[in-house]
Amino acid sequence: MIIKLAIAGAVIYALFRFIKYVRSQPPEQRRSYYLTLVISSAAAALVLLSITGRVHWLAGIIGGAMPFVRQFVMHHIYNKLSPGERSESGSTGQGKRPPPSMDMDLAQARSILGVSADASESDIIQAHRSLMQKLHPDRGGNDYLASQINAAKELLLKSVG
């Protein structure tokens, strides 16, 4: 009886920590985390029921595989929807964009970062950080925008220092 209570307490504590973590994430990502929580909970319940003999063992295996299948399917869909935005070694190069042109002047660089002509080094770095947090490829941006932002920062930092 005490073991069951300890396990239930651990599960409730883990759920509490997970929900607290999810609330600290950006609102766009929360739905994905909650969906993962629901699917994982259903899978764990099926595995637990199959271990106790209340559900056929095959259902337990299928339930345990649900989170992994979801991850595989989401990865596959992502690859199908955006094949031209990633560079793959050994590919023929079809569907790829040419590399971005890094030839820009100071006015273009200031315009990209949104800083004035008398911006200090710390202003440039802060503007770069702010834009990269919004437009980084890992957060929904793309490689072209990130490379333009990085090139603008480098050019402006060279001109200031």
C-alpha atoms as a PDB file:
ATOM      1  CA  MET A   1       0.000   0.000   0.000  1.00  0.00           C
ATOM      2  CA  ILE A   2       2.816   2.411   0.907  1.00  0.00           C
ATOM      3  CA  ILE A   3       4.653   1.604  -2.318  1.00  0.00           C
ATOM      4  CA  LYS A   4       1.557   2.456  -4.358  1.00  0.00           C
ATOM      5  CA  LEU A   5       1.200   5.763  -2.499  1.00  0.00           C
ATOM      6  CA  ALA A   6       4.872   6.566  -3.066  1.00  0.00           C
ATOM      7  CA  ILE A   7       4.550   5.849  -6.781  1.00  0.00           C
ATOM      8  CA  ALA A   8       1.367   7.942  -7.002  1.00  0.00           C
ATOM      9  CA  GLY A   9       3.121  10.796  -5.202  1.00  0.00           C
ATOM     10  CA  ALA A  10       6.077  10.596  -7.554  1.00  0.00           C
ATOM     11  CA  VAL A  11       3.779  10.665 -10.582  1.00  0.00           C
ATOM     12  CA  ILE A  12       1.854  13.668  -9.240  1.00  0.00           C
ATOM     13  CA  TYR A  13       5.112  15.488  -8.473  1.00  0.00           C
ATOM     14  CA  ALA A  14       6.455  14.736 -11.972  1.00  0.00           C
ATOM     15  CA  LEU A  15       3.229  16.056 -13.528  1.00  0.00           C
ATOM     16  CA  PHE A  16       3.467  19.205 -11.411  1.00  0.00           C
ATOM     17  CA  ARG A  17       7.091  19.819 -12.496  1.00  0.00           C
ATOM     18  CA  PHE A  18       6.243  19.127 -16.152  1.00  0.00           C
ATOM     19  CA  ILE A  19       3.323  21.567 -16.141  1.00  0.00           C
ATOM     20  CA  LYS A  20       5.472  24.190 -14.419  1.00  0.00           C
ATOM     21  CA  TYR A  21       8.128  23.698 -17.112  1.00  0.00           C
ATOM     22  CA  VAL A  22       5.557  23.955 -19.906  1.00  0.00           C
ATOM     23  CA  ARG A  23       4.201  27.214 -18.498  1.00  0.00           C
ATOM     24  CA  SER A  24       7.698  28.703 -18.740  1.00  0.00           C
ATOM     25  CA  GLN A  25       7.814  27.950 -22.486  1.00  0.00           C
ATOM     26  CA  PRO A  26       6.574  30.330 -25.219  1.00  0.00           C
ATOM     27  CA  PRO A  27       2.814  30.048 -25.882  1.00  0.00           C
ATOM     28  CA  GLU A  28       3.386  28.668 -29.396  1.00  0.00           C
ATOM     29  CA  GLN A  29       5.170  25.602 -28.031  1.00  0.00           C
ATOM     30  CA  ARG A  30       2.826  24.812 -25.134  1.00  0.00           C
ATOM     31  CA  ARG A  31       0.267  22.938 -27.225  1.00  0.00           C
ATOM     32  CA  SER A  32       2.926  20.527 -28.441  1.00  0.00           C
ATOM     33  CA  TYR A  33       4.072  19.832 -24.882  1.00  0.00           C
ATOM     34  CA  TYR A  34       0.540  19.243 -23.641  1.00  0.00           C
ATOM     35  CA  LEU A  35      -0.176  16.913 -26.567  1.00  0.00           C
ATOM     36  CA  THR A  36       2.981  14.980 -25.731  1.00  0.00           C
ATOM     37  CA  LEU A  37       1.861  14.774 -22.082  1.00  0.00           C
ATOM     38  CA  VAL A  38      -1.561  13.379 -23.047  1.00  0.00           C
ATOM     39  CA  ILE A  39      -0.129  10.807 -25.465  1.00  0.00           C
ATOM     40  CA  SER A  40       2.588   9.750 -23.017  1.00  0.00           C
ATOM     41  CA  SER A  41       0.060   9.427 -20.184  1.00  0.00           C
ATOM     42  CA  ALA A  42      -2.205   7.267 -22.330  1.00  0.00           C
ATOM     43  CA  ALA A  43       0.764   5.109 -23.327  1.00  0.00           C
ATOM     44  CA  ALA A  44       1.867   4.725 -19.698  1.00  0.00           C
ATOM     45  CA  ALA A  45      -1.677   3.799 -18.641  1.00  0.00           C
ATOM     46  CA  LEU A  46      -1.872   1.112 -21.340  1.00  0.00           C
ATOM     47  CA  VAL A  47       1.493  -0.308 -20.335  1.00  0.00           C
ATOM     48  CA  LEU A  48       0.453  -0.336 -16.671  1.00  0.00           C
ATOM     49  CA  LEU A  49      -2.849  -2.041 -17.496  1.00  0.00           C
ATOM     50  CA  SER A  50      -1.074  -4.674 -19.586  1.00  0.00           C
ATOM     51  CA  ILE A  51       1.433  -5.361 -16.790  1.00  0.00           C
ATOM     52  CA  THR A  52      -1.396  -5.887 -14.305  1.00  0.00           C
ATOM     53  CA  GLY A  53      -3.208  -8.181 -16.737  1.00  0.00           C
ATOM     54  CA  ARG A  54      -6.207  -5.960 -17.390  1.00  0.00           C
ATOM     55  CA  VAL A  55      -5.351  -5.349 -21.054  1.00  0.00           C
ATOM     56  CA  HIS A  56      -3.828  -7.689 -23.626  1.00  0.00           C
ATOM     57  CA  TRP A  57      -0.030  -7.372 -23.813  1.00  0.00           C
ATOM     58  CA  LEU A  58      -0.200  -6.328 -27.472  1.00  0.00           C
ATOM     59  CA  ALA A  59      -2.211  -3.236 -26.532  1.00  0.00           C
ATOM     60  CA  GLY A  60       0.481  -2.400 -23.975  1.00  0.00           C
ATOM     61  CA  ILE A  61       3.194  -2.577 -26.608  1.00  0.00           C
ATOM     62  CA  ILE A  62       1.180  -0.398 -28.982  1.00  0.00           C
ATOM     63  CA  GLY A  63       0.490   2.086 -26.195  1.00  0.00           C
ATOM     64  CA  GLY A  64       4.137   2.228 -25.205  1.00  0.00           C
ATOM     65  CA  ALA A  65       5.110   2.934 -28.794  1.00  0.00           C
ATOM     66  CA  MET A  66       2.648   5.821 -29.257  1.00  0.00           C
ATOM     67  CA  PRO A  67       4.997   8.674 -28.211  1.00  0.00           C
ATOM     68  CA  PHE A  68       7.767   7.359 -30.455  1.00  0.00           C
ATOM     69  CA  VAL A  69       5.397   6.911 -33.386  1.00  0.00           C
ATOM     70  CA  ARG A  70       4.129  10.477 -32.916  1.00  0.00           C
ATOM     71  CA  GLN A  71       7.691  11.821 -32.952  1.00  0.00           C
ATOM     72  CA  PHE A  72       8.527   9.793 -36.073  1.00  0.00           C
ATOM     73  CA  VAL A  73       5.381  10.936 -37.881  1.00  0.00           C
ATOM     74  CA  MET A  74       5.942  14.599 -36.979  1.00  0.00           C
ATOM     75  CA  HIS A  75       9.564  14.402 -38.168  1.00  0.00           C
ATOM     76  CA  HIS A  76       8.460  12.744 -41.414  1.00  0.00           C
ATOM     77  CA  ILE A  77       5.790  15.388 -42.043  1.00  0.00           C
ATOM     78  CA  TYR A  78       8.293  18.174 -41.359  1.00  0.00           C
ATOM     79  CA  ASN A  79      10.735  16.652 -43.855  1.00  0.00           C
ATOM     80  CA  LYS A  80       8.031  16.375 -46.521  1.00  0.00           C
ATOM     81  CA  LEU A  81       6.777  19.933 -46.048  1.00  0.00           C
ATOM     82  CA  SER A  82      10.131  21.713 -46.150  1.00  0.00           C
ATOM     83  CA  PRO A  83      12.615  19.738 -48.272  1.00  0.00           C
ATOM     84  CA  GLY A  84      14.360  22.747 -49.845  1.00  0.00           C
ATOM     85  CA  GLU A  85      15.292  24.570 -46.663  1.00  0.00           C
ATOM     86  CA  ARG A  86      17.852  22.087 -45.350  1.00  0.00           C
ATOM     87  CA  SER A  87      21.146  21.227 -46.904  1.00  0.00           C
ATOM     88  CA  GLU A  88      21.639  17.517 -47.270  1.00  0.00           C
ATOM     89  CA  SER A  89      25.022  16.095 -48.157  1.00  0.00           C
ATOM     90  CA  GLY A  90      25.127  14.208 -51.396  1.00  0.00           C
ATOM     91  CA  SER A  91      22.004  15.754 -52.853  1.00  0.00           C
ATOM     92  CA  THR A  92      21.770  17.059 -56.377  1.00  0.00           C
ATOM     93  CA  GLY A  93      21.051  20.595 -55.236  1.00  0.00           C
ATOM     94  CA  GLN A  94      17.589  20.794 -56.673  1.00  0.00           C
ATOM     95  CA  GLY A  95      15.198  22.980 -54.717  1.00  0.00           C
ATOM     96  CA  LYS A  96      17.983  24.767 -52.848  1.00  0.00           C
ATOM     97  CA  ARG A  97      18.348  28.500 -52.703  1.00  0.00           C
ATOM     98  CA  PRO A  98      21.665  30.060 -53.597  1.00  0.00           C
ATOM     99  CA  PRO A  99      23.762  31.175 -50.641  1.00  0.00           C
ATOM    100  CA  PRO A 100      22.871  34.648 -49.412  1.00  0.00           C
ATOM    101  CA  SER A 101      24.837  37.581 -50.687  1.00  0.00           C
ATOM    102  CA  MET A 102      26.911  39.059 -47.908  1.00  0.00           C
ATOM    103  CA  ASP A 103      27.643  42.293 -49.794  1.00  0.00           C
ATOM    104  CA  MET A 104      25.828  44.982 -47.845  1.00  0.00           C
ATOM    105  CA  ASP A 105      26.618  48.517 -46.896  1.00  0.00           C
ATOM    106  CA  LEU A 106      26.347  50.156 -43.490  1.00  0.00           C
ATOM    107  CA  ALA A 107      22.896  51.604 -44.195  1.00  0.00           C
ATOM    108  CA  GLN A 108      21.515  48.176 -45.058  1.00  0.00           C
ATOM    109  CA  ALA A 109      23.138  46.664 -41.970  1.00  0.00           C
ATOM    110  CA  ARG A 110      21.641  49.376 -39.742  1.00  0.00           C
ATOM    111  CA  SER A 111      18.264  48.833 -41.384  1.00  0.00           C
ATOM    112  CA  ILE A 112      18.401  45.067 -40.822  1.00  0.00           C
ATOM    113  CA  LEU A 113      19.233  45.410 -37.129  1.00  0.00           C
ATOM    114  CA  GLY A 114      17.075  48.500 -36.651  1.00  0.00           C
ATOM    115  CA  VAL A 115      19.775  50.631 -35.044  1.00  0.00           C
ATOM    116  CA  SER A 116      20.705  54.262 -35.612  1.00  0.00           C
ATOM    117  CA  ALA A 117      23.911  55.551 -37.173  1.00  0.00           C
ATOM    118  CA  ASP A 118      25.341  56.440 -33.750  1.00  0.00           C
ATOM    119  CA  ALA A 119      24.576  53.057 -32.160  1.00  0.00           C
ATOM    120  CA  SER A 120      27.134  51.742 -29.698  1.00  0.00           C
ATOM    121  CA  GLU A 121      28.610  48.251 -29.687  1.00  0.00           C
ATOM    122  CA  SER A 122      26.267  47.177 -26.890  1.00  0.00           C
ATOM    123  CA  ASP A 123      23.241  48.532 -28.833  1.00  0.00           C
ATOM    124  CA  ILE A 124      24.258  46.491 -31.879  1.00  0.00           C
ATOM    125  CA  ILE A 125      24.764  43.336 -29.826  1.00  0.00           C
ATOM    126  CA  GLN A 126      21.418  43.806 -28.057  1.00  0.00           C
ATOM    127  CA  ALA A 127      19.571  44.351 -31.366  1.00  0.00           C
ATOM    128  CA  HIS A 128      21.274  41.255 -32.810  1.00  0.00           C
ATOM    129  CA  ARG A 129      20.284  39.112 -29.810  1.00  0.00           C
ATOM    130  CA  SER A 130      16.702  40.321 -29.929  1.00  0.00           C
ATOM    131  CA  LEU A 131      16.332  39.547 -33.635  1.00  0.00           C
ATOM    132  CA  MET A 132      18.064  36.179 -33.400  1.00  0.00           C
ATOM    133  CA  GLN A 133      15.755  35.104 -30.582  1.00  0.00           C
ATOM    134  CA  LYS A 134      12.826  35.778 -32.895  1.00  0.00           C
ATOM    135  CA  LEU A 135      14.252  34.623 -36.227  1.00  0.00           C
ATOM    136  CA  HIS A 136      16.689  31.825 -35.400  1.00  0.00           C
ATOM    137  CA  PRO A 137      16.170  28.712 -37.588  1.00  0.00           C
ATOM    138  CA  ASP A 138      15.567  26.594 -34.475  1.00  0.00           C
ATOM    139  CA  ARG A 139      12.674  28.884 -33.514  1.00  0.00           C
ATOM    140  CA  GLY A 140      10.848  29.076 -36.811  1.00  0.00           C
ATOM    141  CA  GLY A 141      13.089  31.455 -38.736  1.00  0.00           C
ATOM    142  CA  ASN A 142      15.263  30.438 -41.640  1.00  0.00           C
ATOM    143  CA  ASP A 143      18.950  30.272 -42.513  1.00  0.00           C
ATOM    144  CA  TYR A 144      18.817  33.213 -44.902  1.00  0.00           C
ATOM    145  CA  LEU A 145      17.454  35.658 -42.320  1.00  0.00           C
ATOM    146  CA  ALA A 146      19.872  34.439 -39.677  1.00  0.00           C
ATOM    147  CA  SER A 147      22.837  34.851 -42.025  1.00  0.00           C
ATOM    148  CA  GLN A 148      21.740  38.381 -42.970  1.00  0.00           C
ATOM    149  CA  ILE A 149      21.376  39.348 -39.309  1.00  0.00           C
ATOM    150  CA  ASN A 150      24.799  37.894 -38.485  1.00  0.00           C
ATOM    151  CA  ALA A 151      26.419  39.655 -41.462  1.00  0.00           C
ATOM    152  CA  ALA A 152      24.841  42.976 -40.454  1.00  0.00           C
ATOM    153  CA  LYS A 153      26.141  42.591 -36.893  1.00  0.00           C
ATOM    154  CA  GLU A 154      29.661  41.765 -38.053  1.00  0.00           C
ATOM    155  CA  LEU A 155      29.747  44.702 -40.455  1.00  0.00           C
ATOM    156  CA  LEU A 156      28.468  47.174 -37.868  1.00  0.00           C
ATOM    157  CA  LEU A 157      30.815  45.910 -35.156  1.00  0.00           C
ATOM    158  CA  LYS A 158      33.777  46.330 -37.547  1.00  0.00           C
ATOM    159  CA  SER A 159      32.712  49.886 -38.333  1.00  0.00           C
ATOM    160  CA  VAL A 160      32.271  50.806 -34.647  1.00  0.00           C
ATOM    161  CA  GLY A 161      35.455  49.212 -33.330  1.00  0.00           C
END
